[in-house]
Structures are given as structure tokens and as C-alpha cells.
């Protein structure tokens, strides 16, 4: 009997060890370029998950942006993706950059409104999107949602991105350097405010930053691609040398995962985000805009993950 009892204890111990090990998880968070907002937010989230969820070790990865991120999570080569709502909708419909690749994705959380920056300097004389015709323009890095939205802004202004501009495909940090070096006249960037690379350009001696207004194009964009965009403002003095409000187009950022992610894993990610948000805000102030009121179905084209819904329900919030 003693041997039997000892044997059962060993088996129970092994079972407990197995359950504990089942909680161990290495997580990959795909973000964007180092000059943007996704990357510092991804790094902050990785630190929070590693710190507060026992057995987890998370890392933030540099990528081209939303399109790459969605493909990586869709192929289950990454766990969590920062992405823009318009690119996510394309991935669910197998359209645009995802033609023939319908992805199985779920939303963990609606983050903050991504603000389209159309960036130039006063010396170029560019005052409107239409003025970009014939200019050297970066539409964002390949594999980014900046590129997707830049094309839509240009088309809404009556320009053909392939014919009416000399197009470069640079990330935001590379775009800023190209403007400084006189290699391009303007660039598109979709991100939170402030974006460090745009701040860098505004602080460059001898250059006067100018953000091009384009909120008047939102209605045409929504008429063609659906109600994804809204008019917004980058307030004056958000960047060095920015003397006036910039009237621009917004699109939501969301945090997405593969639909196969276990409910408890999704729950713990969302719980950490909302219960430790002050630490996230300390990483980048864009995290302050991640609020419960924005967690509604209309702000994300992908349905909320059941694990996320469980957390929100516990907090008395309905997402649908």
C-alpha cells in the first residue's frame, strides 16, 4: 500500500509538472520599423507579458509593418500582430496584398487611431496631395499598411501611384533621412503621434516641417473601400516646427492573433494590457488611447477572440 501511495504521489507530481510546463510559452510579437510606434509598443507589451504572466517569455520583432505582420500570424509563424484595420479587412477578404490568401484572424483589442502623415518640408512648395504629381515620394516600406493607405489617399486625390509620382518604398526612418538628403520630396507614414522619425525631421536645423492636409479625401476613400477611415487632426506643436493643426485621415490600429490561439492565452494577453496599462503608457503615450469604450465590433473588421470577450464581459463591457 505504501508503494502504491508513493507511486500515485509521483504520478500526481508528474501531472502537476506537466500542467505547469503547459503554461510555458515563448511568444513572438510582430510590430514594424524601429522609427515607428508599433515597435516601442510591441517591446513594452513583450516586457509586460514576460513580467506578469508566469512562464511566458515574449519578444518584439522588427517587420515591414501590417501586411507582413498579418501574413506571419496567418501562417502561425508569429503569435501577436500589430495591424491596421484596412489591411486586416483585406486579409479577411483575400483582397489586395492578400489576394488568394484568406486568413483566419481574431482581434484581441482595438488600440489607437493611426494617423496618416503626409510629410514634406516648406521648401518643396507642396501644399496638397494633388501637388505630389511629378514629385519623388515614398509610399512606405514594402509589406506595410502605410503603402496600402498611401495608395488610397493618392487615388482619392486623382493620382495614379504608379504613374504620377516617382515612387520609393522606404520605412519612416529611411524616408526622413531621404528628405534630409534631398533624395525625395515627401513621404507617407501612418502611425501614432508622436512618431520619433517625424520628430527627428522637424528638429533638423535648416528644414521646416510641413504636414499636408488631406481630410477632405476621407469621404472618397470610404465610398470606395468601406467605412474604415475618419477625419482627424494632428494638433499643432505635436512635432517641432508644426505651427498649425494638420487635418488628416485616421484608421484604427488593432492587435490580432490567429483564430486557433487558446482562449486562456488570449485572455491573459488582454488582461495584462488593461490591468497594467500604466506601464504600457510609460513606453509610449499612444497606449493611453487603448480604452474599454473603443472595444466594439464596429472598430475592427475581425471578430473579437473568445478569450478577449471573456475578459471584457468580466469587466461588464459588451463588444457587440
C-alpha atoms as a PDB file:
ATOM      1  CA  UNK A   1       0.000   0.000   0.000  1.00  0.00           C
ATOM      2  CA  UNK A   2       2.868   2.338   0.829  1.00  0.00           C
ATOM      3  CA  UNK A   3       4.416   1.635  -2.571  1.00  0.00           C
ATOM      4  CA  UNK A   4       1.072   2.268  -4.275  1.00  0.00           C
ATOM      5  CA  UNK A   5       0.606   5.528  -2.408  1.00  0.00           C
ATOM      6  CA  UNK A   6       4.142   6.598  -3.282  1.00  0.00           C
ATOM      7  CA  UNK A   7       3.561   5.688  -6.936  1.00  0.00           C
ATOM      8  CA  UNK A   8       0.342   7.724  -7.066  1.00  0.00           C
ATOM      9  CA  UNK A   9       2.120  10.669  -5.495  1.00  0.00           C
ATOM     10  CA  UNK A  10       4.837  10.505  -8.148  1.00  0.00           C
ATOM     11  CA  UNK A  11       2.238  10.344 -10.931  1.00  0.00           C
ATOM     12  CA  UNK A  12       0.340  13.266  -9.429  1.00  0.00           C
ATOM     13  CA  UNK A  13       3.599  15.197  -9.172  1.00  0.00           C
ATOM     14  CA  UNK A  14       4.361  14.459 -12.808  1.00  0.00           C
ATOM     15  CA  UNK A  15       0.883  15.571 -13.744  1.00  0.00           C
ATOM     16  CA  UNK A  16       1.312  18.844 -11.879  1.00  0.00           C
ATOM     17  CA  UNK A  17       4.692  19.378 -13.531  1.00  0.00           C
ATOM     18  CA  UNK A  18       3.157  18.742 -16.943  1.00  0.00           C
ATOM     19  CA  UNK A  19       0.403  21.291 -16.316  1.00  0.00           C
ATOM     20  CA  UNK A  20       2.948  23.835 -15.139  1.00  0.00           C
ATOM     21  CA  UNK A  21       5.085  23.280 -18.211  1.00  0.00           C
ATOM     22  CA  UNK A  22       1.992  23.622 -20.389  1.00  0.00           C
ATOM     23  CA  UNK A  23       1.864  27.252 -19.249  1.00  0.00           C
ATOM     24  CA  UNK A  24       5.379  27.921 -20.505  1.00  0.00           C
ATOM     25  CA  UNK A  25       5.189  29.888 -23.738  1.00  0.00           C
ATOM     26  CA  UNK A  26       7.619  31.764 -25.961  1.00  0.00           C
ATOM     27  CA  UNK A  27       5.667  34.471 -27.778  1.00  0.00           C
ATOM     28  CA  UNK A  28       6.586  36.458 -30.860  1.00  0.00           C
ATOM     29  CA  UNK A  29       5.065  39.925 -31.289  1.00  0.00           C
ATOM     30  CA  UNK A  30       5.426  41.348 -34.817  1.00  0.00           C
ATOM     31  CA  UNK A  31       5.490  45.136 -34.985  1.00  0.00           C
ATOM     32  CA  UNK A  32       7.029  47.441 -37.604  1.00  0.00           C
ATOM     33  CA  UNK A  33      10.104  49.554 -38.237  1.00  0.00           C
ATOM     34  CA  UNK A  34      12.214  50.974 -35.419  1.00  0.00           C
ATOM     35  CA  UNK A  35      11.252  54.564 -36.267  1.00  0.00           C
ATOM     36  CA  UNK A  36       7.528  53.984 -35.806  1.00  0.00           C
ATOM     37  CA  UNK A  37       5.143  53.423 -32.881  1.00  0.00           C
ATOM     38  CA  UNK A  38       4.377  49.705 -33.247  1.00  0.00           C
ATOM     39  CA  UNK A  39       7.923  48.746 -32.310  1.00  0.00           C
ATOM     40  CA  UNK A  40       8.178  50.518 -28.927  1.00  0.00           C
ATOM     41  CA  UNK A  41       4.631  49.435 -28.072  1.00  0.00           C
ATOM     42  CA  UNK A  42       5.487  45.855 -29.053  1.00  0.00           C
ATOM     43  CA  UNK A  43       8.585  45.971 -26.887  1.00  0.00           C
ATOM     44  CA  UNK A  44       6.564  47.296 -23.972  1.00  0.00           C
ATOM     45  CA  UNK A  45       3.939  44.587 -24.396  1.00  0.00           C
ATOM     46  CA  UNK A  46       6.629  41.901 -24.577  1.00  0.00           C
ATOM     47  CA  UNK A  47       8.103  43.142 -21.308  1.00  0.00           C
ATOM     48  CA  UNK A  48       4.704  43.187 -19.619  1.00  0.00           C
ATOM     49  CA  UNK A  49       3.771  39.666 -20.708  1.00  0.00           C
ATOM     50  CA  UNK A  50       7.166  38.315 -19.664  1.00  0.00           C
ATOM     51  CA  UNK A  51       6.920  40.078 -16.308  1.00  0.00           C
ATOM     52  CA  UNK A  52       3.329  39.353 -15.343  1.00  0.00           C
ATOM     53  CA  UNK A  53       2.345  36.017 -16.934  1.00  0.00           C
ATOM     54  CA  UNK A  54       4.182  33.181 -15.217  1.00  0.00           C
ATOM     55  CA  UNK A  55       6.190  31.012 -17.592  1.00  0.00           C
ATOM     56  CA  UNK A  56       5.894  33.343 -20.575  1.00  0.00           C
ATOM     57  CA  UNK A  57       8.778  34.867 -22.498  1.00  0.00           C
ATOM     58  CA  UNK A  58       7.781  37.381 -25.192  1.00  0.00           C
ATOM     59  CA  UNK A  59       9.874  39.244 -27.750  1.00  0.00           C
ATOM     60  CA  UNK A  60       9.092  42.070 -30.194  1.00  0.00           C
ATOM     61  CA  UNK A  61      10.225  41.618 -33.798  1.00  0.00           C
ATOM     62  CA  UNK A  62      11.020  44.314 -36.380  1.00  0.00           C
ATOM     63  CA  UNK A  63       8.999  43.865 -39.604  1.00  0.00           C
ATOM     64  CA  UNK A  64       7.843  45.775 -42.657  1.00  0.00           C
ATOM     65  CA  UNK A  65       4.505  46.507 -40.967  1.00  0.00           C
ATOM     66  CA  UNK A  66       0.865  45.437 -41.026  1.00  0.00           C
ATOM     67  CA  UNK A  67       0.800  43.375 -44.216  1.00  0.00           C
ATOM     68  CA  UNK A  68       3.846  41.333 -43.211  1.00  0.00           C
ATOM     69  CA  UNK A  69       2.504  41.006 -39.669  1.00  0.00           C
ATOM     70  CA  UNK A  70      -0.871  39.676 -40.776  1.00  0.00           C
ATOM     71  CA  UNK A  71       0.752  37.141 -43.081  1.00  0.00           C
ATOM     72  CA  UNK A  72       3.089  35.948 -40.319  1.00  0.00           C
ATOM     73  CA  UNK A  73       0.261  35.443 -37.828  1.00  0.00           C
ATOM     74  CA  UNK A  74      -1.974  33.960 -40.508  1.00  0.00           C
ATOM     75  CA  UNK A  75       0.737  31.364 -41.225  1.00  0.00           C
ATOM     76  CA  UNK A  76       1.181  30.828 -37.447  1.00  0.00           C
ATOM     77  CA  UNK A  77       4.801  31.965 -37.650  1.00  0.00           C
ATOM     78  CA  UNK A  78       4.145  34.703 -35.073  1.00  0.00           C
ATOM     79  CA  UNK A  79       1.713  34.955 -32.172  1.00  0.00           C
ATOM     80  CA  UNK A  80       0.566  38.574 -31.951  1.00  0.00           C
ATOM     81  CA  UNK A  81       0.417  41.216 -34.679  1.00  0.00           C
ATOM     82  CA  UNK A  82       0.001  44.962 -34.668  1.00  0.00           C
ATOM     83  CA  UNK A  83      -2.047  45.861 -37.738  1.00  0.00           C
ATOM     84  CA  UNK A  84      -4.255  48.479 -39.301  1.00  0.00           C
ATOM     85  CA  UNK A  85      -7.958  47.812 -39.781  1.00  0.00           C
ATOM     86  CA  UNK A  86      -7.934  48.365 -43.552  1.00  0.00           C
ATOM     87  CA  UNK A  87      -5.135  45.862 -44.161  1.00  0.00           C
ATOM     88  CA  UNK A  88      -6.864  43.400 -41.823  1.00  0.00           C
ATOM     89  CA  UNK A  89     -10.098  43.670 -43.800  1.00  0.00           C
ATOM     90  CA  UNK A  90      -8.195  42.897 -46.998  1.00  0.00           C
ATOM     91  CA  UNK A  91      -6.685  39.812 -45.307  1.00  0.00           C
ATOM     92  CA  UNK A  92     -10.133  38.549 -44.294  1.00  0.00           C
ATOM     93  CA  UNK A  93     -11.455  39.063 -47.825  1.00  0.00           C
ATOM     94  CA  UNK A  94      -8.314  37.738 -49.569  1.00  0.00           C
ATOM     95  CA  UNK A  95      -8.025  41.015 -51.466  1.00  0.00           C
ATOM     96  CA  UNK A  96      -5.247  43.467 -52.314  1.00  0.00           C
ATOM     97  CA  UNK A  97      -1.912  42.309 -50.877  1.00  0.00           C
ATOM     98  CA  UNK A  98      -3.654  39.118 -49.702  1.00  0.00           C
ATOM     99  CA  UNK A  99      -5.181  38.019 -52.979  1.00  0.00           C
ATOM    100  CA  UNK A 100      -5.843  34.288 -52.738  1.00  0.00           C
ATOM    101  CA  UNK A 101      -4.796  34.236 -49.051  1.00  0.00           C
ATOM    102  CA  UNK A 102      -7.861  34.463 -46.821  1.00  0.00           C
ATOM    103  CA  UNK A 103      -6.504  34.486 -43.272  1.00  0.00           C
ATOM    104  CA  UNK A 104      -8.116  33.148 -40.094  1.00  0.00           C
ATOM    105  CA  UNK A 105      -7.651  36.020 -37.643  1.00  0.00           C
ATOM    106  CA  UNK A 106      -9.274  37.298 -34.469  1.00  0.00           C
ATOM    107  CA  UNK A 107      -8.969  40.627 -32.656  1.00  0.00           C
ATOM    108  CA  UNK A 108      -7.605  40.907 -29.125  1.00  0.00           C
ATOM    109  CA  UNK A 109      -8.021  44.652 -28.735  1.00  0.00           C
ATOM    110  CA  UNK A 110      -8.673  47.879 -30.597  1.00  0.00           C
ATOM    111  CA  UNK A 111      -5.644  50.076 -29.917  1.00  0.00           C
ATOM    112  CA  UNK A 112      -5.398  53.708 -31.003  1.00  0.00           C
ATOM    113  CA  UNK A 113      -6.266  55.627 -34.167  1.00  0.00           C
ATOM    114  CA  UNK A 114      -3.426  55.525 -36.655  1.00  0.00           C
ATOM    115  CA  UNK A 115      -2.920  58.945 -38.137  1.00  0.00           C
ATOM    116  CA  UNK A 116      -1.862  59.392 -41.733  1.00  0.00           C
ATOM    117  CA  UNK A 117       1.072  61.765 -42.017  1.00  0.00           C
ATOM    118  CA  UNK A 118       1.813  63.202 -45.451  1.00  0.00           C
ATOM    119  CA  UNK A 119       5.198  64.714 -44.721  1.00  0.00           C
ATOM    120  CA  UNK A 120       7.238  67.270 -46.611  1.00  0.00           C
ATOM    121  CA  UNK A 121       9.161  70.484 -45.958  1.00  0.00           C
ATOM    122  CA  UNK A 122       8.230  74.090 -46.685  1.00  0.00           C
ATOM    123  CA  UNK A 123      10.975  74.395 -49.292  1.00  0.00           C
ATOM    124  CA  UNK A 124       9.236  71.932 -51.660  1.00  0.00           C
ATOM    125  CA  UNK A 125       6.203  74.185 -52.099  1.00  0.00           C
ATOM    126  CA  UNK A 126       3.902  71.138 -51.821  1.00  0.00           C
ATOM    127  CA  UNK A 127       0.585  72.220 -50.269  1.00  0.00           C
ATOM    128  CA  UNK A 128      -1.828  69.419 -51.219  1.00  0.00           C
ATOM    129  CA  UNK A 129      -1.804  65.750 -52.158  1.00  0.00           C
ATOM    130  CA  UNK A 130      -2.520  66.761 -55.761  1.00  0.00           C
ATOM    131  CA  UNK A 131       0.746  68.748 -55.690  1.00  0.00           C
ATOM    132  CA  UNK A 132       2.652  65.451 -55.310  1.00  0.00           C
ATOM    133  CA  UNK A 133       2.223  64.826 -59.035  1.00  0.00           C
ATOM    134  CA  UNK A 134       5.632  64.572 -60.643  1.00  0.00           C
ATOM    135  CA  UNK A 135       7.415  64.513 -57.267  1.00  0.00           C
ATOM    136  CA  UNK A 136       9.671  61.927 -55.636  1.00  0.00           C
ATOM    137  CA  UNK A 137       7.555  60.312 -52.933  1.00  0.00           C
ATOM    138  CA  UNK A 138       7.950  57.381 -50.544  1.00  0.00           C
ATOM    139  CA  UNK A 139       4.692  55.483 -50.064  1.00  0.00           C
ATOM    140  CA  UNK A 140       6.029  53.365 -47.193  1.00  0.00           C
ATOM    141  CA  UNK A 141       8.010  50.182 -46.949  1.00  0.00           C
ATOM    142  CA  UNK A 142       7.024  47.093 -48.872  1.00  0.00           C
ATOM    143  CA  UNK A 143       4.755  44.939 -46.746  1.00  0.00           C
ATOM    144  CA  UNK A 144       3.359  47.864 -44.772  1.00  0.00           C
ATOM    145  CA  UNK A 145      -0.187  49.127 -44.357  1.00  0.00           C
ATOM    146  CA  UNK A 146       1.232  52.609 -44.905  1.00  0.00           C
ATOM    147  CA  UNK A 147       1.663  51.604 -48.528  1.00  0.00           C
ATOM    148  CA  UNK A 148      -1.943  50.370 -48.709  1.00  0.00           C
ATOM    149  CA  UNK A 149      -3.383  53.576 -47.291  1.00  0.00           C
ATOM    150  CA  UNK A 150      -0.986  55.851 -49.192  1.00  0.00           C
ATOM    151  CA  UNK A 151      -2.246  54.407 -52.471  1.00  0.00           C
ATOM    152  CA  UNK A 152      -5.818  55.083 -51.392  1.00  0.00           C
ATOM    153  CA  UNK A 153      -5.078  58.691 -50.444  1.00  0.00           C
ATOM    154  CA  UNK A 154      -3.340  59.274 -53.771  1.00  0.00           C
ATOM    155  CA  UNK A 155      -6.155  57.673 -55.753  1.00  0.00           C
ATOM    156  CA  UNK A 156      -8.763  59.714 -53.878  1.00  0.00           C
ATOM    157  CA  UNK A 157      -6.823  62.801 -54.970  1.00  0.00           C
ATOM    158  CA  UNK A 158      -6.970  61.638 -58.588  1.00  0.00           C
ATOM    159  CA  UNK A 159      -3.358  60.451 -58.835  1.00  0.00           C
ATOM    160  CA  UNK A 160      -2.041  57.136 -60.115  1.00  0.00           C
ATOM    161  CA  UNK A 161       0.606  55.926 -57.605  1.00  0.00           C
ATOM    162  CA  UNK A 162       2.427  54.018 -60.344  1.00  0.00           C
ATOM    163  CA  UNK A 163       2.489  56.759 -62.957  1.00  0.00           C
ATOM    164  CA  UNK A 164       2.017  60.204 -61.408  1.00  0.00           C
ATOM    165  CA  UNK A 165       4.848  60.100 -58.868  1.00  0.00           C
ATOM    166  CA  UNK A 166       8.389  58.782 -58.765  1.00  0.00           C
ATOM    167  CA  UNK A 167       7.780  56.226 -56.066  1.00  0.00           C
ATOM    168  CA  UNK A 168      10.139  54.964 -53.390  1.00  0.00           C
ATOM    169  CA  UNK A 169       9.314  52.240 -50.838  1.00  0.00           C
ATOM    170  CA  UNK A 170      11.018  53.320 -47.629  1.00  0.00           C
ATOM    171  CA  UNK A 171      10.263  52.922 -43.955  1.00  0.00           C
ATOM    172  CA  UNK A 172       9.615  56.044 -41.914  1.00  0.00           C
ATOM    173  CA  UNK A 173      13.178  56.399 -40.599  1.00  0.00           C
ATOM    174  CA  UNK A 174      14.638  55.878 -44.081  1.00  0.00           C
ATOM    175  CA  UNK A 175      12.100  58.332 -45.516  1.00  0.00           C
ATOM    176  CA  UNK A 176      13.128  61.011 -43.041  1.00  0.00           C
ATOM    177  CA  UNK A 177      16.785  60.537 -43.963  1.00  0.00           C
ATOM    178  CA  UNK A 178      15.925  60.663 -47.674  1.00  0.00           C
ATOM    179  CA  UNK A 179      14.149  64.015 -47.191  1.00  0.00           C
ATOM    180  CA  UNK A 180      17.159  65.348 -45.282  1.00  0.00           C
ATOM    181  CA  UNK A 181      19.468  64.242 -48.101  1.00  0.00           C
ATOM    182  CA  UNK A 182      17.247  65.724 -50.813  1.00  0.00           C
ATOM    183  CA  UNK A 183      16.556  62.308 -52.365  1.00  0.00           C
ATOM    184  CA  UNK A 184      12.766  62.535 -52.024  1.00  0.00           C
ATOM    185  CA  UNK A 185      10.302  65.419 -51.735  1.00  0.00           C
ATOM    186  CA  UNK A 186       7.685  63.881 -49.466  1.00  0.00           C
ATOM    187  CA  UNK A 187       6.600  60.702 -47.759  1.00  0.00           C
ATOM    188  CA  UNK A 188       3.579  58.928 -46.350  1.00  0.00           C
ATOM    189  CA  UNK A 189       3.539  57.455 -42.864  1.00  0.00           C
ATOM    190  CA  UNK A 190       0.649  56.018 -40.865  1.00  0.00           C
ATOM    191  CA  UNK A 191       1.336  55.901 -37.156  1.00  0.00           C
ATOM    192  CA  UNK A 192       0.728  57.233 -33.707  1.00  0.00           C
ATOM    193  CA  UNK A 193       1.624  60.709 -32.529  1.00  0.00           C
ATOM    194  CA  UNK A 194       4.373  61.497 -31.967  1.00  0.00           C
ATOM    195  CA  UNK A 195       6.360  59.280 -34.313  1.00  0.00           C
ATOM    196  CA  UNK A 196      10.053  59.594 -33.486  1.00  0.00           C
ATOM    197  CA  UNK A 197      11.220  59.767 -37.102  1.00  0.00           C
ATOM    198  CA  UNK A 198       8.853  62.673 -37.886  1.00  0.00           C
ATOM    199  CA  UNK A 199      10.016  64.394 -34.706  1.00  0.00           C
ATOM    200  CA  UNK A 200      13.565  63.951 -35.950  1.00  0.00           C
ATOM    201  CA  UNK A 201      12.754  65.631 -39.259  1.00  0.00           C
ATOM    202  CA  UNK A 202      11.021  68.535 -37.533  1.00  0.00           C
ATOM    203  CA  UNK A 203      14.021  69.060 -35.270  1.00  0.00           C
ATOM    204  CA  UNK A 204      16.535  69.106 -38.134  1.00  0.00           C
ATOM    205  CA  UNK A 205      18.250  72.502 -38.436  1.00  0.00           C
ATOM    206  CA  UNK A 206      17.563  74.302 -41.700  1.00  0.00           C
ATOM    207  CA  UNK A 207      14.404  72.308 -42.513  1.00  0.00           C
ATOM    208  CA  UNK A 208      10.849  73.455 -41.830  1.00  0.00           C
ATOM    209  CA  UNK A 209       8.450  70.536 -41.414  1.00  0.00           C
ATOM    210  CA  UNK A 210       5.136  70.687 -43.268  1.00  0.00           C
ATOM    211  CA  UNK A 211       2.302  68.159 -42.863  1.00  0.00           C
ATOM    212  CA  UNK A 212      -0.087  68.158 -45.827  1.00  0.00           C
ATOM    213  CA  UNK A 213      -3.835  68.399 -45.104  1.00  0.00           C
ATOM    214  CA  UNK A 214      -5.920  65.638 -46.719  1.00  0.00           C
ATOM    215  CA  UNK A 215      -9.002  65.042 -44.535  1.00  0.00           C
ATOM    216  CA  UNK A 216     -11.144  66.222 -47.450  1.00  0.00           C
ATOM    217  CA  UNK A 217     -10.317  62.914 -49.197  1.00  0.00           C
ATOM    218  CA  UNK A 218     -11.818  60.681 -46.485  1.00  0.00           C
ATOM    219  CA  UNK A 219     -15.313  60.649 -47.994  1.00  0.00           C
ATOM    220  CA  UNK A 220     -13.992  59.398 -51.335  1.00  0.00           C
ATOM    221  CA  UNK A 221     -11.837  56.782 -49.609  1.00  0.00           C
ATOM    222  CA  UNK A 222     -14.788  55.405 -47.655  1.00  0.00           C
ATOM    223  CA  UNK A 223     -17.024  55.409 -50.725  1.00  0.00           C
ATOM    224  CA  UNK A 224     -14.587  53.078 -52.497  1.00  0.00           C
ATOM    225  CA  UNK A 225     -13.137  50.925 -49.692  1.00  0.00           C
ATOM    226  CA  UNK A 226     -15.801  50.975 -46.998  1.00  0.00           C
ATOM    227  CA  UNK A 227     -16.259  52.955 -43.761  1.00  0.00           C
ATOM    228  CA  UNK A 228     -12.732  52.379 -42.490  1.00  0.00           C
ATOM    229  CA  UNK A 229     -11.457  55.942 -42.308  1.00  0.00           C
ATOM    230  CA  UNK A 230     -12.344  59.054 -40.338  1.00  0.00           C
ATOM    231  CA  UNK A 231     -11.259  62.674 -40.326  1.00  0.00           C
ATOM    232  CA  UNK A 232      -8.771  63.581 -37.652  1.00  0.00           C
ATOM    233  CA  UNK A 233      -6.340  66.231 -36.511  1.00  0.00           C
ATOM    234  CA  UNK A 234      -2.677  66.136 -35.585  1.00  0.00           C
ATOM    235  CA  UNK A 235      -2.641  69.088 -33.241  1.00  0.00           C
ATOM    236  CA  UNK A 236      -0.249  71.976 -33.751  1.00  0.00           C
ATOM    237  CA  UNK A 237       3.088  71.585 -31.962  1.00  0.00           C
ATOM    238  CA  UNK A 238       2.811  67.784 -31.929  1.00  0.00           C
ATOM    239  CA  UNK A 239       6.100  67.991 -33.826  1.00  0.00           C
ATOM    240  CA  UNK A 240       8.921  70.544 -33.795  1.00  0.00           C
ATOM    241  CA  UNK A 241       8.108  73.385 -36.145  1.00  0.00           C
ATOM    242  CA  UNK A 242       4.471  72.302 -36.677  1.00  0.00           C
ATOM    243  CA  UNK A 243       2.663  75.602 -36.269  1.00  0.00           C
ATOM    244  CA  UNK A 244      -0.840  74.622 -37.442  1.00  0.00           C
ATOM    245  CA  UNK A 245      -3.247  71.739 -36.950  1.00  0.00           C
ATOM    246  CA  UNK A 246      -2.912  69.069 -39.644  1.00  0.00           C
ATOM    247  CA  UNK A 247      -6.268  67.841 -40.954  1.00  0.00           C
ATOM    248  CA  UNK A 248      -5.733  64.197 -41.883  1.00  0.00           C
ATOM    249  CA  UNK A 249      -7.243  60.696 -42.209  1.00  0.00           C
ATOM    250  CA  UNK A 250      -7.391  58.148 -39.381  1.00  0.00           C
ATOM    251  CA  UNK A 251      -7.715  54.377 -39.329  1.00  0.00           C
ATOM    252  CA  UNK A 252      -7.847  52.114 -36.274  1.00  0.00           C
ATOM    253  CA  UNK A 253      -4.922  50.009 -35.139  1.00  0.00           C
ATOM    254  CA  UNK A 254      -5.789  46.591 -33.763  1.00  0.00           C
ATOM    255  CA  UNK A 255      -3.986  43.718 -32.091  1.00  0.00           C
ATOM    256  CA  UNK A 256      -4.704  40.439 -33.883  1.00  0.00           C
ATOM    257  CA  UNK A 257      -3.923  36.751 -33.412  1.00  0.00           C
ATOM    258  CA  UNK A 258      -4.605  33.514 -35.230  1.00  0.00           C
ATOM    259  CA  UNK A 259      -8.078  32.129 -34.605  1.00  0.00           C
ATOM    260  CA  UNK A 260      -6.516  28.940 -33.198  1.00  0.00           C
ATOM    261  CA  UNK A 261      -4.962  30.723 -30.202  1.00  0.00           C
ATOM    262  CA  UNK A 262      -6.229  29.060 -26.983  1.00  0.00           C
ATOM    263  CA  UNK A 263      -8.834  31.073 -25.103  1.00  0.00           C
ATOM    264  CA  UNK A 264      -6.792  31.245 -21.895  1.00  0.00           C
ATOM    265  CA  UNK A 265      -3.766  32.616 -23.738  1.00  0.00           C
ATOM    266  CA  UNK A 266      -5.821  35.348 -25.418  1.00  0.00           C
ATOM    267  CA  UNK A 267      -7.486  36.142 -22.079  1.00  0.00           C
ATOM    268  CA  UNK A 268      -4.142  36.603 -20.311  1.00  0.00           C
ATOM    269  CA  UNK A 269      -2.818  38.917 -23.025  1.00  0.00           C
ATOM    270  CA  UNK A 270      -5.870  41.185 -22.861  1.00  0.00           C
ATOM    271  CA  UNK A 271      -5.939  41.091 -19.067  1.00  0.00           C
ATOM    272  CA  UNK A 272      -2.308  42.207 -18.945  1.00  0.00           C
ATOM    273  CA  UNK A 273      -2.898  45.017 -21.434  1.00  0.00           C
ATOM    274  CA  UNK A 274      -5.758  46.566 -19.500  1.00  0.00           C
ATOM    275  CA  UNK A 275      -4.651  45.875 -15.943  1.00  0.00           C
ATOM    276  CA  UNK A 276      -1.051  47.018 -16.484  1.00  0.00           C
ATOM    277  CA  UNK A 277      -1.778  49.777 -18.968  1.00  0.00           C
ATOM    278  CA  UNK A 278       0.046  52.459 -16.983  1.00  0.00           C
ATOM    279  CA  UNK A 279       3.299  50.637 -17.683  1.00  0.00           C
ATOM    280  CA  UNK A 280       2.425  50.489 -21.380  1.00  0.00           C
ATOM    281  CA  UNK A 281       1.732  54.226 -21.470  1.00  0.00           C
ATOM    282  CA  UNK A 282       5.177  54.791 -19.954  1.00  0.00           C
ATOM    283  CA  UNK A 283       6.601  53.037 -23.033  1.00  0.00           C
ATOM    284  CA  UNK A 284       4.689  55.259 -25.476  1.00  0.00           C
ATOM    285  CA  UNK A 285       1.810  57.622 -24.799  1.00  0.00           C
ATOM    286  CA  UNK A 286      -0.218  56.220 -27.729  1.00  0.00           C
ATOM    287  CA  UNK A 287      -1.138  53.379 -25.348  1.00  0.00           C
ATOM    288  CA  UNK A 288      -3.227  55.874 -23.351  1.00  0.00           C
ATOM    289  CA  UNK A 289      -5.801  55.686 -26.145  1.00  0.00           C
ATOM    290  CA  UNK A 290      -6.363  51.942 -25.597  1.00  0.00           C
ATOM    291  CA  UNK A 291      -9.619  52.285 -23.684  1.00  0.00           C
ATOM    292  CA  UNK A 292     -12.564  50.000 -22.940  1.00  0.00           C
ATOM    293  CA  UNK A 293     -15.024  52.235 -24.796  1.00  0.00           C
ATOM    294  CA  UNK A 294     -13.247  51.551 -28.113  1.00  0.00           C
ATOM    295  CA  UNK A 295     -13.584  47.765 -27.763  1.00  0.00           C
ATOM    296  CA  UNK A 296     -16.617  47.444 -30.032  1.00  0.00           C
ATOM    297  CA  UNK A 297     -17.207  45.322 -33.105  1.00  0.00           C
ATOM    298  CA  UNK A 298     -17.569  48.316 -35.421  1.00  0.00           C
ATOM    299  CA  UNK A 299     -13.957  49.368 -34.862  1.00  0.00           C
ATOM    300  CA  UNK A 300     -12.439  46.093 -36.077  1.00  0.00           C
ATOM    301  CA  UNK A 301     -13.166  44.070 -39.215  1.00  0.00           C
ATOM    302  CA  UNK A 302     -12.131  40.851 -37.426  1.00  0.00           C
ATOM    303  CA  UNK A 303     -14.332  39.394 -34.697  1.00  0.00           C
ATOM    304  CA  UNK A 304     -13.030  39.561 -31.146  1.00  0.00           C
ATOM    305  CA  UNK A 305     -11.314  36.415 -29.872  1.00  0.00           C
ATOM    306  CA  UNK A 306     -13.449  34.485 -27.325  1.00  0.00           C
ATOM    307  CA  UNK A 307     -10.683  34.917 -24.743  1.00  0.00           C
ATOM    308  CA  UNK A 308     -10.855  38.697 -25.173  1.00  0.00           C
ATOM    309  CA  UNK A 309     -14.647  38.638 -24.998  1.00  0.00           C
ATOM    310  CA  UNK A 310     -14.409  36.742 -21.696  1.00  0.00           C
ATOM    311  CA  UNK A 311     -12.224  39.445 -20.161  1.00  0.00           C
ATOM    312  CA  UNK A 312     -14.412  42.289 -21.402  1.00  0.00           C
ATOM    313  CA  UNK A 313     -17.546  40.518 -20.153  1.00  0.00           C
ATOM    314  CA  UNK A 314     -15.999  40.126 -16.701  1.00  0.00           C
ATOM    315  CA  UNK A 315     -15.478  43.886 -16.699  1.00  0.00           C
ATOM    316  CA  UNK A 316     -19.119  44.487 -17.638  1.00  0.00           C
ATOM    317  CA  UNK A 317     -18.368  45.582 -21.183  1.00  0.00           C
ATOM    318  CA  UNK A 318     -20.131  44.273 -24.291  1.00  0.00           C
ATOM    319  CA  UNK A 319     -18.121  44.288 -27.508  1.00  0.00           C
ATOM    320  CA  UNK A 320     -21.057  43.564 -29.853  1.00  0.00           C
END
